[in-house]
N, C-alpha and C. Protein backbone atom coordinates (compact mmCIF):
# COMPACT_ATOMS: atom_id res chain seq x y z
N MET A 1 0.92 -0.69 0.04
CA MET A 1 0.07 -0.31 -0.03
C MET A 1 0.92 1.45 -0.14
N PRO A 2 1.28 2.25 -1.11
CA PRO A 2 1.55 3.14 -1.22
C PRO A 2 1.15 4.02 -0.24
N GLU A 3 2.12 5.34 -0.01
CA GLU A 3 2.05 6.05 1.35
C GLU A 3 2.15 7.17 0.56
N ASP A 4 0.79 7.73 -0.30
CA ASP A 4 0.71 8.83 -0.98
C ASP A 4 0.11 9.70 0.01
N PRO A 5 0.73 11.41 0.15
CA PRO A 5 0.16 11.93 1.40
C PRO A 5 -1.06 12.48 0.38
N SER A 6 -1.48 12.41 -0.52
CA SER A 6 -2.83 12.45 -1.24
C SER A 6 -3.99 11.99 -0.52
N GLU A 7 -3.97 10.82 -0.30
CA GLU A 7 -4.34 9.44 0.18
C GLU A 7 -4.37 9.59 1.81
N THR A 8 -5.89 9.65 2.39
CA THR A 8 -5.32 9.26 3.95
C THR A 8 -6.59 8.12 4.63
N TRP A 9 -6.06 7.47 5.14
CA TRP A 9 -7.29 6.37 5.43
C TRP A 9 -7.97 6.79 6.66
N ARG A 10 -9.24 6.47 6.80
CA ARG A 10 -10.15 6.43 7.79
C ARG A 10 -10.09 5.60 8.89
N VAL A 11 -9.73 6.03 9.88
CA VAL A 11 -9.42 5.58 11.30
C VAL A 11 -10.73 5.62 12.24
N PHE A 12 -11.02 4.45 12.61
CA PHE A 12 -12.36 4.86 13.67
C PHE A 12 -12.25 3.57 14.75
N PHE A 13 -12.70 3.73 15.81
CA PHE A 13 -13.01 3.22 17.07
C PHE A 13 -13.73 3.18 17.55
N ARG A 14 -14.35 1.83 18.51
CA ARG A 14 -15.66 2.16 19.20
C ARG A 14 -15.74 2.38 20.50
N ARG A 15 -16.78 2.86 21.51
CA ARG A 15 -16.67 3.81 22.87
C ARG A 15 -15.82 2.67 24.00
N LYS A 16 -15.78 1.81 23.64
CA LYS A 16 -14.95 0.41 24.85
C LYS A 16 -13.41 0.80 24.03
N VAL A 17 -13.03 1.37 23.36
CA VAL A 17 -11.74 1.12 22.86
C VAL A 17 -11.22 2.82 23.65
N GLU A 18 -12.05 3.68 23.13
CA GLU A 18 -11.85 4.88 23.86
C GLU A 18 -11.81 4.54 25.64
N LYS A 19 -12.71 3.72 25.79
CA LYS A 19 -12.00 3.70 27.32
C LYS A 19 -11.45 3.12 27.73
N GLN A 20 -10.94 2.18 26.90
CA GLN A 20 -9.34 1.28 26.86
C GLN A 20 -8.38 2.28 27.44
N VAL A 21 -8.46 3.05 26.29
CA VAL A 21 -7.15 3.88 26.43
C VAL A 21 -7.26 5.25 27.28
N GLY A 22 -8.47 5.58 28.13
CA GLY A 22 -8.64 6.41 29.20
C GLY A 22 -7.91 5.77 30.62
N LYS A 23 -7.66 4.61 30.51
CA LYS A 23 -6.89 3.47 31.55
C LYS A 23 -5.75 3.54 30.83
N MET A 24 -5.08 3.75 29.99
CA MET A 24 -3.83 3.67 29.98
C MET A 24 -2.83 4.96 30.70
N PRO A 25 -1.67 4.77 31.02
CA PRO A 25 -0.90 6.14 31.79
C PRO A 25 -1.06 7.02 30.39
N ARG A 26 -0.88 8.34 31.03
CA ARG A 26 -0.22 9.37 30.16
C ARG A 26 0.28 9.11 28.67
N LYS A 27 1.68 8.48 29.07
CA LYS A 27 2.64 8.60 28.10
C LYS A 27 2.12 7.36 27.22
N GLU A 28 1.64 6.27 27.07
CA GLU A 28 1.04 5.50 26.09
C GLU A 28 -0.32 6.08 25.75
N GLN A 29 -1.00 7.04 26.15
CA GLN A 29 -2.21 7.52 25.76
C GLN A 29 -1.78 8.45 24.23
N VAL A 30 -0.26 9.15 24.62
CA VAL A 30 0.06 9.95 23.42
C VAL A 30 0.72 9.24 22.48
N LEU A 31 1.13 7.74 22.69
CA LEU A 31 1.68 7.14 21.49
C LEU A 31 0.25 6.38 20.99
N PHE A 32 -0.60 6.12 21.91
CA PHE A 32 -1.92 5.15 21.10
C PHE A 32 -1.93 6.60 19.78
N ALA A 33 -2.45 8.23 20.30
CA ALA A 33 -2.51 8.84 19.19
C ALA A 33 -1.63 8.76 18.55
N ASN A 34 -0.52 9.06 18.24
CA ASN A 34 0.80 9.16 17.29
C ASN A 34 0.54 7.52 16.67
N LEU A 35 -0.09 6.47 17.02
CA LEU A 35 -0.43 5.37 16.00
C LEU A 35 -1.44 6.02 15.17
N VAL A 36 -2.68 6.31 15.72
CA VAL A 36 -3.93 6.50 14.92
C VAL A 36 -3.64 7.88 13.96
N GLU A 37 -2.59 8.53 14.38
CA GLU A 37 -2.21 9.60 13.27
C GLU A 37 -1.22 8.98 12.17
N ASP A 38 -0.09 7.95 12.45
CA ASP A 38 0.23 7.64 11.11
C ASP A 38 -0.50 6.45 10.92
N LEU A 39 -1.62 5.94 11.45
CA LEU A 39 -2.26 4.78 10.62
C LEU A 39 -3.33 5.62 9.74
N ILE A 40 -3.95 6.96 9.41
CA ILE A 40 -4.33 8.11 9.01
C ILE A 40 -3.72 8.20 7.99
N ARG A 41 -2.33 8.49 7.92
CA ARG A 41 -1.59 9.26 7.41
C ARG A 41 -0.82 8.30 6.14
N LYS A 42 -0.31 6.79 6.80
CA LYS A 42 0.36 5.60 6.10
C LYS A 42 -0.06 4.26 6.03
N GLY A 43 -1.53 4.19 6.31
CA GLY A 43 -2.00 3.14 6.58
C GLY A 43 -1.45 2.34 7.60
N PRO A 44 -2.44 0.34 7.23
CA PRO A 44 -2.17 -0.33 8.22
C PRO A 44 -0.48 -1.00 8.42
N ILE A 45 -0.17 -0.91 7.70
CA ILE A 45 1.34 -1.61 7.81
C ILE A 45 2.17 -0.62 8.64
N ARG A 46 2.51 -0.63 9.66
CA ARG A 46 3.85 0.11 10.57
C ARG A 46 4.40 -0.26 10.91
N THR A 47 5.35 -1.18 10.24
CA THR A 47 7.02 -1.73 10.94
C THR A 47 7.74 -0.95 11.53
N GLU A 48 7.49 0.42 11.64
CA GLU A 48 8.61 1.03 12.14
C GLU A 48 7.72 1.34 13.86
N TRP A 49 6.58 0.30 14.11
CA TRP A 49 6.18 0.48 15.39
C TRP A 49 6.52 -0.80 16.32
N ARG A 50 7.09 -0.79 17.36
CA ARG A 50 7.25 -1.41 18.16
C ARG A 50 7.05 -3.02 18.19
N LYS A 51 7.30 -4.03 17.95
CA LYS A 51 6.66 -5.71 17.84
C LYS A 51 5.49 -5.58 16.85
N PHE A 52 5.82 -4.93 15.95
CA PHE A 52 4.35 -4.51 14.98
C PHE A 52 4.78 -6.00 13.91
N SER A 53 3.35 -6.64 13.85
CA SER A 53 3.24 -7.87 13.62
C SER A 53 1.48 -7.91 12.76
N LYS A 54 1.72 -9.09 11.79
CA LYS A 54 0.57 -9.24 11.36
C LYS A 54 -0.26 -10.76 12.04
N LEU A 55 -1.57 -10.19 12.20
CA LEU A 55 -2.29 -11.19 12.94
C LEU A 55 -3.12 -12.10 12.25
N SER A 56 -3.09 -11.83 10.56
CA SER A 56 -4.20 -12.46 9.77
C SER A 56 -3.87 -11.64 8.89
N ASP A 57 -4.69 -11.78 7.67
CA ASP A 57 -4.60 -11.21 6.59
C ASP A 57 -5.16 -9.90 6.12
N ARG A 58 -5.98 -9.37 7.26
CA ARG A 58 -6.56 -8.23 7.59
C ARG A 58 -6.21 -7.54 8.98
N GLU A 59 -5.82 -8.03 9.84
CA GLU A 59 -5.11 -7.56 11.01
C GLU A 59 -4.05 -7.68 11.89
N TYR A 60 -3.61 -6.80 12.24
CA TYR A 60 -2.17 -5.94 12.43
C TYR A 60 -1.93 -5.73 14.16
N HIS A 61 -1.44 -6.06 14.71
CA HIS A 61 -0.61 -5.37 16.39
C HIS A 61 0.57 -4.62 16.35
N CYS A 62 0.36 -4.03 17.61
CA CYS A 62 2.28 -3.23 18.11
C CYS A 62 1.66 -3.23 19.36
N HIS A 63 3.04 -3.27 20.32
CA HIS A 63 3.13 -2.26 21.21
C HIS A 63 3.14 -1.15 21.35
N LEU A 64 2.73 -0.33 22.30
CA LEU A 64 2.77 1.01 22.31
C LEU A 64 4.10 1.25 23.20
N SER A 65 4.12 -0.18 24.47
CA SER A 65 5.43 0.04 25.13
C SER A 65 5.38 -1.61 25.57
N TYR A 66 6.29 -1.98 26.67
CA TYR A 66 5.81 -2.87 27.45
C TYR A 66 4.99 -3.72 27.52
N SER A 67 3.86 -3.20 28.40
CA SER A 67 2.47 -3.49 28.78
C SER A 67 1.67 -3.30 28.07
N TRP A 68 1.41 -2.50 26.61
CA TRP A 68 0.34 -2.24 26.16
C TRP A 68 0.49 -2.13 24.61
N VAL A 69 -0.37 -2.84 24.63
CA VAL A 69 -0.78 -3.02 22.78
C VAL A 69 -2.03 -2.34 22.28
N ALA A 70 -1.83 -2.14 20.58
CA ALA A 70 -3.20 -1.61 20.03
C ALA A 70 -2.86 -2.89 18.95
N CYS A 71 -4.09 -3.16 18.45
CA CYS A 71 -4.80 -4.09 17.16
C CYS A 71 -5.73 -3.13 16.26
N TRP A 72 -5.31 -3.55 15.54
CA TRP A 72 -6.50 -3.16 14.29
C TRP A 72 -6.76 -3.83 12.92
N ARG A 73 -7.73 -3.35 12.33
CA ARG A 73 -8.18 -4.27 11.21
C ARG A 73 -8.32 -3.59 9.54
N VAL A 74 -7.84 -3.75 8.59
CA VAL A 74 -8.64 -3.07 7.50
C VAL A 74 -9.88 -3.60 7.47
N GLU A 75 -10.96 -2.51 7.08
CA GLU A 75 -12.58 -2.65 6.86
C GLU A 75 -12.46 -2.66 5.28
N ASN A 76 -13.33 -3.39 4.96
CA ASN A 76 -14.45 -3.68 3.56
C ASN A 76 -13.06 -3.54 2.68
N GLY A 77 -11.78 -3.77 2.78
CA GLY A 77 -10.95 -3.97 1.62
C GLY A 77 -10.72 -2.27 1.25
N GLU A 78 -11.07 -1.40 1.87
CA GLU A 78 -11.37 0.15 1.66
C GLU A 78 -10.18 0.61 2.51
N MET A 79 -9.85 1.57 2.45
CA MET A 79 -9.25 2.48 2.95
C MET A 79 -9.73 2.97 4.04
N GLU A 80 -9.87 1.73 4.99
CA GLU A 80 -10.83 2.51 6.56
C GLU A 80 -10.07 1.32 7.51
N ILE A 81 -10.14 1.77 8.55
CA ILE A 81 -9.20 1.20 9.59
C ILE A 81 -10.02 1.13 10.90
N GLU A 82 -10.22 -0.08 11.38
CA GLU A 82 -10.51 -0.50 12.91
C GLU A 82 -9.79 -0.32 13.70
N VAL A 83 -9.76 0.27 14.61
CA VAL A 83 -8.63 -0.26 15.74
C VAL A 83 -9.73 -0.71 17.17
N TYR A 84 -9.64 -2.40 17.30
CA TYR A 84 -10.65 -2.85 17.91
C TYR A 84 -10.07 -3.14 19.28
N TYR A 85 -9.05 -3.00 19.54
CA TYR A 85 -8.47 -3.16 21.08
C TYR A 85 -7.33 -2.30 21.34
N ALA A 86 -7.06 -1.59 22.53
CA ALA A 86 -6.10 -1.08 22.69
C ALA A 86 -5.99 -0.77 24.23
N GLY A 87 -5.07 -1.32 24.87
CA GLY A 87 -4.91 -1.95 26.31
C GLY A 87 -3.81 -2.59 26.62
N SER A 88 -3.94 -3.64 27.93
CA SER A 88 -2.84 -4.37 28.53
C SER A 88 -2.72 -5.45 27.16
N ARG A 89 -0.92 -5.84 27.28
CA ARG A 89 -0.95 -6.91 26.41
C ARG A 89 -1.27 -8.36 27.18
N GLU A 90 -2.08 -8.71 28.36
CA GLU A 90 -2.24 -9.58 28.90
C GLU A 90 -3.90 -9.80 28.80
N LYS A 91 -4.54 -8.77 28.11
CA LYS A 91 -5.99 -9.17 27.95
C LYS A 91 -5.97 -8.88 26.28
N ALA A 92 -4.96 -8.66 25.33
CA ALA A 92 -5.15 -8.75 24.46
C ALA A 92 -5.77 -9.73 23.52
N PRO A 93 -6.44 -9.50 22.73
CA PRO A 93 -7.24 -10.89 21.82
C PRO A 93 -6.54 -11.18 20.87
N TYR A 94 -5.45 -12.09 21.05
CA TYR A 94 -4.71 -12.68 19.92
C TYR A 94 -3.97 -13.82 20.67
């Protein structure tokens, strides 16, 4: 997926993720906001993020820090990304 500055991805997350982020330490909240910005500008393949990995054909994850992770998926095969989890790595759905 090319990183074309004229194209941006639509990134969304449900209220549950918003609540999970609110429980994170401030440092990880800032990192999460930076990740979302990267997803918007550059798309779902974010190899520069710590421990980035592909979970399935359309799902990915990375570590915000040692204890905190984020998981996202590409929706509808279009330029749309859902962040479906952000929180403790112990409770991560993978």
